[in-house]
């Protein structure tokens, strides 16, 4: 099955829920399907409480998700700037 690129706006709630439930595979799956432009906005996404993804991952004590988010953003940023 081919994975289609998706928009971040359609995935924000699902992404935050995946981080909250410590579903690393779901987080990775969502982020890998994002369009390039959208992938650069993940650092500024916030939930209803004003937390970013990295804040939520740290709050939930998920080192693996935190590490993945940092590495993902760093790679996308250096590749596209």
Protein backbone atom coordinates (compact mmCIF):
# COMPACT_ATOMS: atom_id res chain seq x y z
CA UNK A 1 0.00 0.00 0.00
CA UNK A 2 1.37 3.41 -0.96
CA UNK A 3 1.28 6.02 1.75
CA UNK A 4 -0.14 9.33 0.69
CA UNK A 5 1.17 12.64 1.91
CA UNK A 6 -1.14 14.34 4.35
CA UNK A 7 -1.74 17.78 5.81
CA UNK A 8 -0.81 18.56 9.40
CA UNK A 9 -4.12 20.30 10.05
CA UNK A 10 -5.93 17.00 9.57
CA UNK A 11 -3.57 15.22 11.96
CA UNK A 12 -2.98 17.62 14.88
CA UNK A 13 -5.44 16.04 17.33
CA UNK A 14 -4.39 12.53 16.37
CA UNK A 15 -0.73 13.45 16.77
CA UNK A 16 -1.21 14.92 20.25
CA UNK A 17 -3.32 11.92 21.28
CA UNK A 18 -0.58 9.56 20.05
CA UNK A 19 2.01 11.44 22.11
CA UNK A 20 -0.25 11.42 25.18
CA UNK A 21 -0.87 7.68 24.85
CA UNK A 22 2.87 7.06 24.24
CA UNK A 23 2.16 5.51 20.83
CA UNK A 24 5.58 6.04 19.27
CA UNK A 25 4.75 4.08 16.13
CA UNK A 26 1.67 6.25 15.47
CA UNK A 27 3.70 9.46 15.95
CA UNK A 28 6.35 8.22 13.53
CA UNK A 29 3.73 7.11 11.02
CA UNK A 30 1.97 10.49 11.04
CA UNK A 31 5.16 12.51 10.77
CA UNK A 32 6.57 10.41 7.93
CA UNK A 33 3.48 11.14 5.82
CA UNK A 34 3.56 14.92 6.27
CA UNK A 35 4.17 17.27 3.41
CA UNK A 36 7.53 19.03 3.62
CA UNK A 37 6.03 22.43 4.39
CA UNK A 38 3.87 21.00 7.15
CA UNK A 39 6.75 19.08 8.70
CA UNK A 40 8.51 22.36 9.42
CA UNK A 41 5.53 23.61 11.46
CA UNK A 42 5.52 20.82 14.04
CA UNK A 43 7.70 22.82 16.42
CA UNK A 44 5.00 25.48 16.72
CA UNK A 45 1.92 23.25 16.98
CA UNK A 46 0.09 23.54 20.28
CA UNK A 47 -2.79 21.70 21.88
CA UNK A 48 -5.77 23.26 23.67
CA UNK A 49 -3.65 23.77 26.79
CA UNK A 50 -0.89 25.56 24.84
CA UNK A 51 1.65 22.73 24.97
CA UNK A 52 3.85 21.84 22.01
CA UNK A 53 4.48 18.24 20.98
CA UNK A 54 7.88 18.20 22.67
CA UNK A 55 6.36 19.61 25.88
CA UNK A 56 3.67 16.93 25.82
CA UNK A 57 6.23 14.18 25.19
CA UNK A 58 8.40 15.43 28.06
CA UNK A 59 5.37 15.73 30.34
CA UNK A 60 4.45 12.12 29.54
CA UNK A 61 8.07 11.06 30.24
CA UNK A 62 8.57 9.67 26.77
CA UNK A 63 12.25 9.90 25.98
CA UNK A 64 11.81 7.97 22.74
CA UNK A 65 9.11 10.28 21.35
CA UNK A 66 11.02 13.38 22.51
CA UNK A 67 14.19 12.16 20.84
CA UNK A 68 12.32 11.29 17.65
CA UNK A 69 10.61 14.71 17.49
CA UNK A 70 13.91 16.54 17.92
CA UNK A 71 15.72 14.40 15.35
CA UNK A 72 12.81 14.59 12.89
CA UNK A 73 12.60 18.37 13.07
CA UNK A 74 16.36 18.81 12.87
CA UNK A 75 16.56 16.58 9.79
CA UNK A 76 13.64 18.30 8.04
CA UNK A 77 15.00 21.74 8.87
CA UNK A 78 18.51 21.07 7.59
CA UNK A 79 17.23 19.32 4.47
CA UNK A 80 14.83 22.09 3.49
CA UNK A 81 16.70 25.29 4.33
